[in-house]
Amino acid sequence: NKFPIIAGLIFVITAVTAVAYSWLKGIYKYDLRLSFSEYV
């Protein structure tokens, strides 16, 4: 019954990691116009 919550945490961690990676590596600045998929 906790599997959807765990899946949600995995998704959020992945989203934050993708944004942080592109920002810290100078690939792209943080921009709300980009989708999660575009950051990935």
Full PDB file with SEQRES, HELIX, SHEET, SSBOND, CRYST1, ORIGX, SCALE, CONECT and MASTER records, all heavy atoms in Angstrom:
SEQRES   1 A   40  ASN LYS PHE PRO ILE ILE ALA GLY LEU ILE PHE VAL ILE          
SEQRES   2 A   40  THR ALA VAL THR ALA VAL ALA TYR SER TRP LEU LYS GLY          
SEQRES   3 A   40  ILE TYR LYS TYR ASP LEU ARG LEU SER PHE SER GLU TYR          
SEQRES   4 A   40  VAL                                                          
HELIX    1 AA1 PHE A    3  LEU A   24  1                                  22    
HELIX    2 AA2 PHE A   36  TYR A   39  1                                   4    
CRYST1    1.000    1.000    1.000  90.00  90.00  90.00 P 1           1          
ORIGX1      1.000000  0.000000  0.000000        0.00000                         
ORIGX2      0.000000  1.000000  0.000000        0.00000                         
ORIGX3      0.000000  0.000000  1.000000        0.00000                         
SCALE1      1.000000  0.000000  0.000000        0.00000                         
SCALE2      0.000000  1.000000  0.000000        0.00000                         
SCALE3      0.000000  0.000000  1.000000        0.00000                         
ATOM      1  N   ASN A   1       0.811  -1.220   0.000  1.00  0.00           N  
ATOM      2  CA  ASN A   1       0.000   0.000   0.000  1.00  0.00           C  
ATOM      3  C   ASN A   1       0.844   1.270   0.000  1.00  0.00           C  
ATOM      4  O   ASN A   1       0.339   2.350  -0.268  1.00  0.00           O  
ATOM      5  CB  ASN A   1      -0.954   0.005   1.193  1.00  0.00           C  
ATOM      6  CG  ASN A   1      -2.064  -1.027   1.019  1.00  0.00           C  
ATOM      7  OD1 ASN A   1      -2.325  -1.478  -0.088  1.00  0.00           O  
ATOM      8  ND2 ASN A   1      -2.704  -1.393   2.106  1.00  0.00           N  
ATOM      9  N   LYS A   2       2.116   1.119   0.311  1.00  0.00           N  
ATOM     10  CA  LYS A   2       3.026   2.275   0.298  1.00  0.00           C  
ATOM     11  C   LYS A   2       3.760   2.419  -1.047  1.00  0.00           C  
ATOM     12  O   LYS A   2       4.490   3.384  -1.256  1.00  0.00           O  
ATOM     13  CB  LYS A   2       4.039   2.140   1.430  1.00  0.00           C  
ATOM     14  CG  LYS A   2       3.391   2.173   2.814  1.00  0.00           C  
ATOM     15  CD  LYS A   2       4.403   2.336   3.893  1.00  0.00           C  
ATOM     16  CE  LYS A   2       3.831   2.483   5.292  1.00  0.00           C  
ATOM     17  NZ  LYS A   2       2.510   2.062   5.578  1.00  0.00           N  
ATOM     18  N   PHE A   3       3.567   1.471  -1.961  1.00  0.00           N  
ATOM     19  CA  PHE A   3       4.293   1.492  -3.236  1.00  0.00           C  
ATOM     20  C   PHE A   3       4.061   2.770  -4.051  1.00  0.00           C  
ATOM     21  O   PHE A   3       5.014   3.321  -4.608  1.00  0.00           O  
ATOM     22  CB  PHE A   3       3.983   0.251  -4.060  1.00  0.00           C  
ATOM     23  CG  PHE A   3       4.694  -0.994  -3.590  1.00  0.00           C  
ATOM     24  CD1 PHE A   3       5.539  -0.982  -2.481  1.00  0.00           C  
ATOM     25  CD2 PHE A   3       4.533  -2.190  -4.256  1.00  0.00           C  
ATOM     26  CE1 PHE A   3       6.195  -2.120  -2.044  1.00  0.00           C  
ATOM     27  CE2 PHE A   3       5.189  -3.337  -3.841  1.00  0.00           C  
ATOM     28  CZ  PHE A   3       6.019  -3.307  -2.732  1.00  0.00           C  
ATOM     29  N   PRO A   4       2.815   3.302  -4.142  1.00  0.00           N  
ATOM     30  CA  PRO A   4       2.653   4.563  -4.886  1.00  0.00           C  
ATOM     31  C   PRO A   4       3.397   5.732  -4.243  1.00  0.00           C  
ATOM     32  O   PRO A   4       3.911   6.606  -4.943  1.00  0.00           O  
ATOM     33  CB  PRO A   4       1.137   4.793  -4.866  1.00  0.00           C  
ATOM     34  CG  PRO A   4       0.557   3.440  -4.684  1.00  0.00           C  
ATOM     35  CD  PRO A   4       1.514   2.712  -3.790  1.00  0.00           C  
ATOM     36  N   ILE A   5       3.478   5.745  -2.910  1.00  0.00           N  
ATOM     37  CA  ILE A   5       4.220   6.801  -2.211  1.00  0.00           C  
ATOM     38  C   ILE A   5       5.709   6.678  -2.517  1.00  0.00           C  
ATOM     39  O   ILE A   5       6.384   7.675  -2.805  1.00  0.00           O  
ATOM     40  CB  ILE A   5       3.963   6.735  -0.686  1.00  0.00           C  
ATOM     41  CG1 ILE A   5       2.500   7.055  -0.394  1.00  0.00           C  
ATOM     42  CG2 ILE A   5       4.885   7.694   0.066  1.00  0.00           C  
ATOM     43  CD1 ILE A   5       2.065   6.784   1.022  1.00  0.00           C  
ATOM     44  N   ILE A   6       6.215   5.444  -2.484  1.00  0.00           N  
ATOM     45  CA  ILE A   6       7.632   5.204  -2.799  1.00  0.00           C  
ATOM     46  C   ILE A   6       7.919   5.616  -4.245  1.00  0.00           C  
ATOM     47  O   ILE A   6       8.923   6.272  -4.529  1.00  0.00           O  
ATOM     48  CB  ILE A   6       8.017   3.733  -2.551  1.00  0.00           C  
ATOM     49  CG1 ILE A   6       7.872   3.396  -1.064  1.00  0.00           C  
ATOM     50  CG2 ILE A   6       9.441   3.445  -3.026  1.00  0.00           C  
ATOM     51  CD1 ILE A   6       7.916   1.914  -0.745  1.00  0.00           C  
ATOM     52  N   ALA A   7       6.998   5.260  -5.158  1.00  0.00           N  
ATOM     53  CA  ALA A   7       7.154   5.646  -6.570  1.00  0.00           C  
ATOM     54  C   ALA A   7       7.160   7.166  -6.708  1.00  0.00           C  
ATOM     55  O   ALA A   7       7.942   7.730  -7.481  1.00  0.00           O  
ATOM     56  CB  ALA A   7       6.037   5.038  -7.415  1.00  0.00           C  
ATOM     57  N   GLY A   8       6.302   7.847  -5.936  1.00  0.00           N  
ATOM     58  CA  GLY A   8       6.271   9.311  -5.955  1.00  0.00           C  
ATOM     59  C   GLY A   8       7.579   9.918  -5.475  1.00  0.00           C  
ATOM     60  O   GLY A   8       8.069  10.882  -6.059  1.00  0.00           O  
ATOM     61  N   LEU A   9       8.147   9.334  -4.435  1.00  0.00           N  
ATOM     62  CA  LEU A   9       9.440   9.814  -3.931  1.00  0.00           C  
ATOM     63  C   LEU A   9      10.535   9.624  -4.972  1.00  0.00           C  
ATOM     64  O   LEU A   9      11.374  10.504  -5.174  1.00  0.00           O  
ATOM     65  CB  LEU A   9       9.813   9.091  -2.635  1.00  0.00           C  
ATOM     66  CG  LEU A   9       8.984   9.477  -1.396  1.00  0.00           C  
ATOM     67  CD1 LEU A   9       9.321   8.563  -0.227  1.00  0.00           C  
ATOM     68  CD2 LEU A   9       9.221  10.932  -1.026  1.00  0.00           C  
ATOM     69  N   ILE A  10      10.511   8.469  -5.646  1.00  0.00           N  
ATOM     70  CA  ILE A  10      11.497   8.217  -6.713  1.00  0.00           C  
ATOM     71  C   ILE A  10      11.356   9.272  -7.811  1.00  0.00           C  
ATOM     72  O   ILE A  10      12.345   9.827  -8.294  1.00  0.00           O  
ATOM     73  CB  ILE A  10      11.331   6.795  -7.297  1.00  0.00           C  
ATOM     74  CG1 ILE A  10      11.730   5.743  -6.258  1.00  0.00           C  
ATOM     75  CG2 ILE A  10      12.164   6.616  -8.574  1.00  0.00           C  
ATOM     76  CD1 ILE A  10      11.360   4.318  -6.640  1.00  0.00           C  
ATOM     77  N   PHE A  11      10.108   9.572  -8.188  1.00  0.00           N  
ATOM     78  CA  PHE A  11       9.862  10.569  -9.236  1.00  0.00           C  
ATOM     79  C   PHE A  11      10.369  11.947  -8.816  1.00  0.00           C  
ATOM     80  O   PHE A  11      11.055  12.633  -9.582  1.00  0.00           O  
ATOM     81  CB  PHE A  11       8.368  10.630  -9.572  1.00  0.00           C  
ATOM     82  CG  PHE A  11       8.033  11.714 -10.560  1.00  0.00           C  
ATOM     83  CD1 PHE A  11       8.333  11.557 -11.908  1.00  0.00           C  
ATOM     84  CD2 PHE A  11       7.455  12.900 -10.136  1.00  0.00           C  
ATOM     85  CE1 PHE A  11       8.053  12.564 -12.820  1.00  0.00           C  
ATOM     86  CE2 PHE A  11       7.167  13.915 -11.040  1.00  0.00           C  
ATOM     87  CZ  PHE A  11       7.471  13.737 -12.381  1.00  0.00           C  
ATOM     88  N   VAL A  12      10.040  12.380  -7.596  1.00  0.00           N  
ATOM     89  CA  VAL A  12      10.449  13.700  -7.113  1.00  0.00           C  
ATOM     90  C   VAL A  12      11.972  13.801  -7.038  1.00  0.00           C  
ATOM     91  O   VAL A  12      12.569  14.802  -7.470  1.00  0.00           O  
ATOM     92  CB  VAL A  12       9.802  14.017  -5.744  1.00  0.00           C  
ATOM     93  CG1 VAL A  12      10.424  15.248  -5.106  1.00  0.00           C  
ATOM     94  CG2 VAL A  12       8.295  14.212  -5.904  1.00  0.00           C  
ATOM     95  N   ILE A  13      12.618  12.759  -6.517  1.00  0.00           N  
ATOM     96  CA  ILE A  13      14.086  12.752  -6.423  1.00  0.00           C  
ATOM     97  C   ILE A  13      14.703  12.844  -7.816  1.00  0.00           C  
ATOM     98  O   ILE A  13      15.671  13.582  -8.041  1.00  0.00           O  
ATOM     99  CB  ILE A  13      14.583  11.500  -5.665  1.00  0.00           C  
ATOM    100  CG1 ILE A  13      14.220  11.612  -4.177  1.00  0.00           C  
ATOM    101  CG2 ILE A  13      16.088  11.303  -5.837  1.00  0.00           C  
ATOM    102  CD1 ILE A  13      14.374  10.328  -3.387  1.00  0.00           C  
ATOM    103  N   THR A  14      14.130  12.118  -8.768  1.00  0.00           N  
ATOM    104  CA  THR A  14      14.637  12.158 -10.148  1.00  0.00           C  
ATOM    105  C   THR A  14      14.463  13.546 -10.753  1.00  0.00           C  
ATOM    106  O   THR A  14      15.373  14.070 -11.409  1.00  0.00           O  
ATOM    107  CB  THR A  14      13.922  11.100 -11.016  1.00  0.00           C  
ATOM    108  OG1 THR A  14      14.061   9.821 -10.400  1.00  0.00           O  
ATOM    109  CG2 THR A  14      14.494  11.042 -12.418  1.00  0.00           C  
ATOM    110  N   ALA A  15      13.299  14.160 -10.535  1.00  0.00           N  
ATOM    111  CA  ALA A  15      13.034  15.499 -11.076  1.00  0.00           C  
ATOM    112  C   ALA A  15      14.005  16.528 -10.487  1.00  0.00           C  
ATOM    113  O   ALA A  15      14.598  17.328 -11.218  1.00  0.00           O  
ATOM    114  CB  ALA A  15      11.589  15.914 -10.787  1.00  0.00           C  
ATOM    115  N   VAL A  16      14.185  16.487  -9.175  1.00  0.00           N  
ATOM    116  CA  VAL A  16      15.091  17.428  -8.514  1.00  0.00           C  
ATOM    117  C   VAL A  16      16.525  17.206  -8.991  1.00  0.00           C  
ATOM    118  O   VAL A  16      17.265  18.162  -9.268  1.00  0.00           O  
ATOM    119  CB  VAL A  16      14.987  17.294  -6.974  1.00  0.00           C  
ATOM    120  CG1 VAL A  16      16.111  18.053  -6.275  1.00  0.00           C  
ATOM    121  CG2 VAL A  16      13.629  17.777  -6.491  1.00  0.00           C  
ATOM    122  N   THR A  17      16.916  15.940  -9.132  1.00  0.00           N  
ATOM    123  CA  THR A  17      18.269  15.616  -9.588  1.00  0.00           C  
ATOM    124  C   THR A  17      18.506  16.127 -11.003  1.00  0.00           C  
ATOM    125  O   THR A  17      19.564  16.707 -11.299  1.00  0.00           O  
ATOM    126  CB  THR A  17      18.522  14.091  -9.532  1.00  0.00           C  
ATOM    127  OG1 THR A  17      18.305  13.635  -8.201  1.00  0.00           O  
ATOM    128  CG2 THR A  17      19.934  13.741  -9.967  1.00  0.00           C  
ATOM    129  N   ALA A  18      17.530  15.936 -11.906  1.00  0.00           N  
ATOM    130  CA  ALA A  18      17.674  16.381 -13.299  1.00  0.00           C  
ATOM    131  C   ALA A  18      17.829  17.893 -13.383  1.00  0.00           C  
ATOM    132  O   ALA A  18      18.691  18.411 -14.113  1.00  0.00           O  
ATOM    133  CB  ALA A  18      16.476  15.917 -14.127  1.00  0.00           C  
ATOM    134  N   VAL A  19      17.003  18.622 -12.620  1.00  0.00           N  
ATOM    135  CA  VAL A  19      17.088  20.089 -12.628  1.00  0.00           C  
ATOM    136  C   VAL A  19      18.414  20.545 -12.023  1.00  0.00           C  
ATOM    137  O   VAL A  19      19.119  21.387 -12.594  1.00  0.00           O  
ATOM    138  CB  VAL A  19      15.898  20.705 -11.855  1.00  0.00           C  
ATOM    139  CG1 VAL A  19      16.080  22.210 -11.692  1.00  0.00           C  
ATOM    140  CG2 VAL A  19      14.588  20.416 -12.578  1.00  0.00           C  
ATOM    141  N   ALA A  20      18.765  19.976 -10.860  1.00  0.00           N  
ATOM    142  CA  ALA A  20      19.999  20.375 -10.172  1.00  0.00           C  
ATOM    143  C   ALA A  20      21.227  20.061 -11.019  1.00  0.00           C  
ATOM    144  O   ALA A  20      22.158  20.872 -11.108  1.00  0.00           O  
ATOM    145  CB  ALA A  20      20.095  19.665  -8.814  1.00  0.00           C  
ATOM    146  N   TYR A  21      21.234  18.907 -11.676  1.00  0.00           N  
ATOM    147  CA  TYR A  21      22.379  18.515 -12.503  1.00  0.00           C  
ATOM    148  C   TYR A  21      22.598  19.504 -13.644  1.00  0.00           C  
ATOM    149  O   TYR A  21      23.716  19.980 -13.870  1.00  0.00           O  
ATOM    150  CB  TYR A  21      22.170  17.103 -13.053  1.00  0.00           C  
ATOM    151  CG  TYR A  21      23.338  16.590 -13.847  1.00  0.00           C  
ATOM    152  CD1 TYR A  21      24.406  15.972 -13.214  1.00  0.00           C  
ATOM    153  CD2 TYR A  21      23.382  16.726 -15.236  1.00  0.00           C  
ATOM    154  CE1 TYR A  21      25.502  15.506 -13.942  1.00  0.00           C  
ATOM    155  CE2 TYR A  21      24.461  16.269 -15.968  1.00  0.00           C  
ATOM    156  CZ  TYR A  21      25.513  15.652 -15.319  1.00  0.00           C  
ATOM    157  OH  TYR A  21      26.595  15.204 -16.043  1.00  0.00           O  
ATOM    158  N   SER A  22      21.510  19.824 -14.356  1.00  0.00           N  
ATOM    159  CA  SER A  22      21.656  20.744 -15.497  1.00  0.00           C  
ATOM    160  C   SER A  22      22.056  22.144 -15.027  1.00  0.00           C  
ATOM    161  O   SER A  22      22.813  22.836 -15.700  1.00  0.00           O  
ATOM    162  CB  SER A  22      20.365  20.798 -16.318  1.00  0.00           C  
ATOM    163  OG  SER A  22      19.326  21.376 -15.566  1.00  0.00           O  
ATOM    164  N   TRP A  23      21.580  22.543 -13.870  1.00  0.00           N  
ATOM    165  CA  TRP A  23      21.891  23.864 -13.341  1.00  0.00           C  
ATOM    166  C   TRP A  23      23.339  23.919 -12.856  1.00  0.00           C  
ATOM    167  O   TRP A  23      24.094  24.823 -13.220  1.00  0.00           O  
ATOM    168  CB  TRP A  23      20.922  24.180 -12.203  1.00  0.00           C  
ATOM    169  CG  TRP A  23      20.970  25.598 -11.717  1.00  0.00           C  
ATOM    170  CD1 TRP A  23      21.111  26.725 -12.471  1.00  0.00           C  
ATOM    171  CD2 TRP A  23      20.876  26.025 -10.368  1.00  0.00           C  
ATOM    172  NE1 TRP A  23      21.096  27.838 -11.663  1.00  0.00           N  
ATOM    173  CE2 TRP A  23      20.953  27.439 -10.359  1.00  0.00           C  
ATOM    174  CE3 TRP A  23      20.720  25.368  -9.156  1.00  0.00           C  
ATOM    175  CZ2 TRP A  23      20.893  28.190  -9.198  1.00  0.00           C  
ATOM    176  CZ3 TRP A  23      20.645  26.119  -7.993  1.00  0.00           C  
ATOM    177  CH2 TRP A  23      20.742  27.510  -8.024  1.00  0.00           C  
ATOM    178  N   LEU A  24      23.737  22.928 -12.041  1.00  0.00           N  
ATOM    179  CA  LEU A  24      25.096  22.927 -11.474  1.00  0.00           C  
ATOM    180  C   LEU A  24      26.175  22.706 -12.539  1.00  0.00           C  
ATOM    181  O   LEU A  24      27.272  23.233 -12.433  1.00  0.00           O  
ATOM    182  CB  LEU A  24      25.216  21.866 -10.375  1.00  0.00           C  
ATOM    183  CG  LEU A  24      24.373  22.133  -9.124  1.00  0.00           C  
ATOM    184  CD1 LEU A  24      24.394  20.936  -8.195  1.00  0.00           C  
ATOM    185  CD2 LEU A  24      24.845  23.390  -8.409  1.00  0.00           C  
ATOM    186  N   LYS A  25      25.846  21.915 -13.572  1.00  0.00           N  
ATOM    187  CA  LYS A  25      26.814  21.661 -14.646  1.00  0.00           C  
ATOM    188  C   LYS A  25      26.837  22.788 -15.683  1.00  0.00           C  
ATOM    189  O   LYS A  25      27.628  22.764 -16.616  1.00  0.00           O  
ATOM    190  CB  LYS A  25      26.490  20.339 -15.345  1.00  0.00           C  
ATOM    191  CG  LYS A  25      26.851  19.111 -14.533  1.00  0.00           C  
ATOM    192  CD  LYS A  25      28.331  18.883 -14.594  1.00  0.00           C  
ATOM    193  CE  LYS A  25      28.720  17.563 -13.973  1.00  0.00           C  
ATOM    194  NZ  LYS A  25      30.154  17.325 -14.056  1.00  0.00           N  
ATOM    195  N   GLY A  26      25.936  23.743 -15.530  1.00  0.00           N  
ATOM    196  CA  GLY A  26      25.901  24.862 -16.473  1.00  0.00           C  
ATOM    197  C   GLY A  26      25.293  24.492 -17.813  1.00  0.00           C  
ATOM    198  O   GLY A  26      25.461  25.208 -18.803  1.00  0.00           O  
ATOM    199  N   ILE A  27      24.569  23.366 -17.865  1.00  0.00           N  
ATOM    200  CA  ILE A  27      23.927  22.942 -19.115  1.00  0.00           C  
ATOM    201  C   ILE A  27      22.728  23.842 -19.412  1.00  0.00           C  
ATOM    202  O   ILE A  27      22.486  24.238 -20.540  1.00  0.00           O  
ATOM    203  CB  ILE A  27      23.491  21.463 -19.032  1.00  0.00           C  
ATOM    204  CG1 ILE A  27      24.714  20.563 -18.823  1.00  0.00           C  
ATOM    205  CG2 ILE A  27      22.720  21.039 -20.271  1.00  0.00           C  
ATOM    206  CD1 ILE A  27      24.371  19.132 -18.455  1.00  0.00           C  
ATOM    207  N   TYR A  28      21.977  24.139 -18.349  1.00  0.00           N  
ATOM    208  CA  TYR A  28      20.802  24.993 -18.523  1.00  0.00           C  
ATOM    209  C   TYR A  28      20.433  25.592 -17.177  1.00  0.00           C  
ATOM    210  O   TYR A  28      20.501  24.914 -16.157  1.00  0.00           O  
ATOM    211  CB  TYR A  28      19.621  24.174 -19.070  1.00  0.00           C  
ATOM    212  CG  TYR A  28      18.569  25.019 -19.747  1.00  0.00           C  
ATOM    213  CD1 TYR A  28      18.677  25.327 -21.091  1.00  0.00           C  
ATOM    214  CD2 TYR A  28      17.486  25.516 -19.035  1.00  0.00           C  
ATOM    215  CE1 TYR A  28      17.719  26.113 -21.718  1.00  0.00           C  
ATOM    216  CE2 TYR A  28      16.527  26.305 -19.650  1.00  0.00           C  
ATOM    217  CZ  TYR A  28      16.653  26.597 -20.998  1.00  0.00           C  
ATOM    218  OH  TYR A  28      15.711  27.378 -21.615  1.00  0.00           O  
ATOM    219  N   LYS A  29      20.021  26.860 -17.180  1.00  0.00           N  
ATOM    220  CA  LYS A  29      19.601  27.485 -15.927  1.00  0.00           C  
ATOM    221  C   LYS A  29      18.189  27.016 -15.561  1.00  0.00           C  
ATOM    222  O   LYS A  29      17.451  26.507 -16.402  1.00  0.00           O  
ATOM    223  CB  LYS A  29      19.645  29.003 -16.039  1.00  0.00           C  
ATOM    224  CG  LYS A  29      18.673  29.587 -17.058  1.00  0.00           C  
ATOM    225  CD  LYS A  29      18.830  31.099 -17.091  1.00  0.00           C  
ATOM    226  CE  LYS A  29      18.047  31.830 -18.110  1.00  0.00           C  
ATOM    227  NZ  LYS A  29      16.817  31.439 -18.568  1.00  0.00           N  
ATOM    228  N   TYR A  30      17.835  27.200 -14.301  1.00  0.00           N  
ATOM    229  CA  TYR A  30      16.498  26.786 -13.850  1.00  0.00           C  
ATOM    230  C   TYR A  30      15.444  27.621 -14.566  1.00  0.00           C  
ATOM    231  O   TYR A  30      15.510  28.847 -14.568  1.00  0.00           O  
ATOM    232  CB  TYR A  30      16.376  26.945 -12.334  1.00  0.00           C  
ATOM    233  CG  TYR A  30      15.056  26.463 -11.813  1.00  0.00           C  
ATOM    234  CD1 TYR A  30      14.713  25.121 -11.895  1.00  0.00           C  
ATOM    235  CD2 TYR A  30      14.124  27.345 -11.280  1.00  0.00           C  
ATOM    236  CE1 TYR A  30      13.486  24.667 -11.433  1.00  0.00           C  
ATOM    237  CE2 TYR A  30      12.898  26.901 -10.814  1.00  0.00           C  
ATOM    238  CZ  TYR A  30      12.594  25.567 -10.899  1.00  0.00           C  
ATOM    239  OH  TYR A  30      11.372  25.115 -10.450  1.00  0.00           O  
ATOM    240  N   ASP A  31      14.490  26.952 -15.181  1.00  0.00           N  
ATOM    241  CA  ASP A  31      13.483  27.625 -15.984  1.00  0.00           C  
ATOM    242  C   ASP A  31      12.181  26.838 -15.895  1.00  0.00           C  
ATOM    243  O   ASP A  31      12.134  25.669 -16.285  1.00  0.00           O  
ATOM    244  CB  ASP A  31      13.972  27.686 -17.436  1.00  0.00           C  
ATOM    245  CG  ASP A  31      13.060  28.497 -18.333  1.00  0.00           C  
ATOM    246  OD1 ASP A  31      11.952  28.865 -17.899  1.00  0.00           O  
ATOM    247  OD2 ASP A  31      13.458  28.756 -19.476  1.00  0.00           O  
ATOM    248  N   LEU A  32      11.141  27.456 -15.382  1.00  0.00           N  
ATOM    249  CA  LEU A  32       9.850  26.768 -15.215  1.00  0.00           C  
ATOM    250  C   LEU A  32       9.185  26.438 -16.544  1.00  0.00           C  
ATOM    251  O   LEU A  32       8.248  25.652 -16.588  1.00  0.00           O  
ATOM    252  CB  LEU A  32       8.897  27.626 -14.365  1.00  0.00           C  
ATOM    253  CG  LEU A  32       9.244  27.754 -12.885  1.00  0.00           C  
ATOM    254  CD1 LEU A  32       8.265  28.698 -12.197  1.00  0.00           C  
ATOM    255  CD2 LEU A  32       9.235  26.401 -12.206  1.00  0.00           C  
ATOM    256  N   ARG A  33       9.673  27.035 -17.637  1.00  0.00           N  
ATOM    257  CA  ARG A  33       9.070  26.746 -18.947  1.00  0.00           C  
ATOM    258  C   ARG A  33       9.439  25.361 -19.458  1.00  0.00           C  
ATOM    259  O   ARG A  33       8.723  24.786 -20.268  1.00  0.00           O  
ATOM    260  CB  ARG A  33       9.474  27.800 -19.971  1.00  0.00           C  
ATOM    261  CG  ARG A  33       8.843  29.166 -19.696  1.00  0.00           C  
ATOM    262  CD  ARG A  33       9.363  30.196 -20.637  1.00  0.00           C  
ATOM    263  NE  ARG A  33      10.805  30.371 -20.386  1.00  0.00           N  
ATOM    264  CZ  ARG A  33      11.586  31.187 -21.061  1.00  0.00           C  
ATOM    265  NH1 ARG A  33      11.098  31.898 -22.046  1.00  0.00           N  
ATOM    266  NH2 ARG A  33      12.859  31.284 -20.765  1.00  0.00           N  
ATOM    267  N   LEU A  34      10.575  24.840 -18.996  1.00  0.00           N  
ATOM    268  CA  LEU A  34      11.007  23.507 -19.426  1.00  0.00           C  
ATOM    269  C   LEU A  34      10.210  22.438 -18.689  1.00  0.00           C  
ATOM    270  O   LEU A  34       9.939  22.569 -17.499  1.00  0.00           O  
ATOM    271  CB  LEU A  34      12.496  23.308 -19.129  1.00  0.00           C  
ATOM    272  CG  LEU A  34      13.436  23.384 -20.341  1.00  0.00           C  
ATOM    273  CD1 LEU A  34      13.337  24.734 -20.999  1.00  0.00           C  
ATOM    274  CD2 LEU A  34      14.844  23.077 -19.920  1.00  0.00           C  
ATOM    275  N   SER A  35       9.852  21.383 -19.396  1.00  0.00           N  
ATOM    276  CA  SER A  35       9.166  20.270 -18.745  1.00  0.00           C  
ATOM    277  C   SER A  35      10.193  19.373 -18.056  1.00  0.00           C  
ATOM    278  O   SER A  35      11.395  19.460 -18.319  1.00  0.00           O  
ATOM    279  CB  SER A  35       8.388  19.452 -19.790  1.00  0.00           C  
ATOM    280  OG  SER A  35       9.287  18.791 -20.658  1.00  0.00           O  
ATOM    281  N   PHE A  36       9.699  18.503 -17.210  1.00  0.00           N  
ATOM    282  CA  PHE A  36      10.558  17.491 -16.575  1.00  0.00           C  
ATOM    283  C   PHE A  36      11.297  16.700 -17.657  1.00  0.00           C  
ATOM    284  O   PHE A  36      12.498  16.464 -17.568  1.00  0.00           O  
ATOM    285  CB  PHE A  36       9.695  16.565 -15.706  1.00  0.00           C  
ATOM    286  CG  PHE A  36      10.376  15.294 -15.313  1.00  0.00           C  
ATOM    287  CD1 PHE A  36      11.372  15.284 -14.349  1.00  0.00           C  
ATOM    288  CD2 PHE A  36      10.022  14.089 -15.911  1.00  0.00           C  
ATOM    289  CE1 PHE A  36      12.009  14.108 -13.980  1.00  0.00           C  
ATOM    290  CE2 PHE A  36      10.642  12.916 -15.546  1.00  0.00           C  
ATOM    291  CZ  PHE A  36      11.642  12.918 -14.579  1.00  0.00           C  
ATOM    292  N   SER A  37      10.575  16.306 -18.686  1.00  0.00           N  
ATOM    293  CA  SER A  37      11.153  15.512 -19.778  1.00  0.00           C  
ATOM    294  C   SER A  37      12.279  16.248 -20.488  1.00  0.00           C  
ATOM    295  O   SER A  37      13.283  15.645 -20.874  1.00  0.00           O  
ATOM    296  CB  SER A  37      10.073  15.145 -20.792  1.00  0.00           C  
ATOM    297  OG  SER A  37       9.030  14.450 -20.160  1.00  0.00           O  
ATOM    298  N   GLU A  38      12.118  17.556 -20.678  1.00  0.00           N  
ATOM    299  CA  GLU A  38      13.161  18.336 -21.348  1.00  0.00           C  
ATOM    300  C   GLU A  38      14.411  18.439 -20.479  1.00  0.00           C  
ATOM    301  O   GLU A  38      15.531  18.365 -20.981  1.00  0.00           O  
ATOM    302  CB  GLU A  38      12.625  19.735 -21.699  1.00  0.00           C  
ATOM    303  CG  GLU A  38      11.620  19.689 -22.840  1.00  0.00           C  
ATOM    304  CD  GLU A  38      10.909  21.005 -23.058  1.00  0.00           C  
ATOM    305  OE1 GLU A  38      10.474  21.627 -22.067  1.00  0.00           O  
ATOM    306  OE2 GLU A  38      10.783  21.407 -24.231  1.00  0.00           O  
ATOM    307  N   TYR A  39      14.220  18.591 -19.166  1.00  0.00           N  
ATOM    308  CA  TYR A  39      15.378  18.593 -18.265  1.00  0.00           C  
ATOM    309  C   TYR A  39      16.108  17.261 -18.338  1.00  0.00           C  
ATOM    310  O   TYR A  39      17.336  17.209 -18.397  1.00  0.00           O  
ATOM    311  CB  TYR A  39      14.952  18.877 -16.820  1.00  0.00           C  
ATOM    312  CG  TYR A  39      14.955  20.340 -16.479  1.00  0.00           C  
ATOM    313  CD1 TYR A  39      13.766  21.017 -16.244  1.00  0.00           C  
ATOM    314  CD2 TYR A  39      16.142  21.051 -16.381  1.00  0.00           C  
ATOM    315  CE1 TYR A  39      13.761  22.364 -15.936  1.00  0.00           C  
ATOM    316  CE2 TYR A  39      16.155  22.405 -16.077  1.00  0.00           C  
ATOM    317  CZ  TYR A  39      14.963  23.052 -15.847  1.00  0.00           C  
ATOM    318  OH  TYR A  39      14.973  24.389 -15.545  1.00  0.00           O  
ATOM    319  N   VAL A  40      15.346  16.173 -18.318  1.00  0.00           N  
ATOM    320  CA  VAL A  40      15.939  14.829 -18.388  1.00  0.00           C  
ATOM    321  C   VAL A  40      16.714  14.670 -19.694  1.00  0.00           C  
ATOM    322  O   VAL A  40      17.808  14.103 -19.713  1.00  0.00           O  
ATOM    323  CB  VAL A  40      14.844  13.747 -18.252  1.00  0.00           C  
ATOM    324  CG1 VAL A  40      15.355  12.382 -18.687  1.00  0.00           C  
ATOM    325  CG2 VAL A  40      14.323  13.686 -16.819  1.00  0.00           C  
TER     326      VAL A  40                                                      
MASTER        0    0    0    2    0    0    0    6  325    1    0    4          
END                                                                             
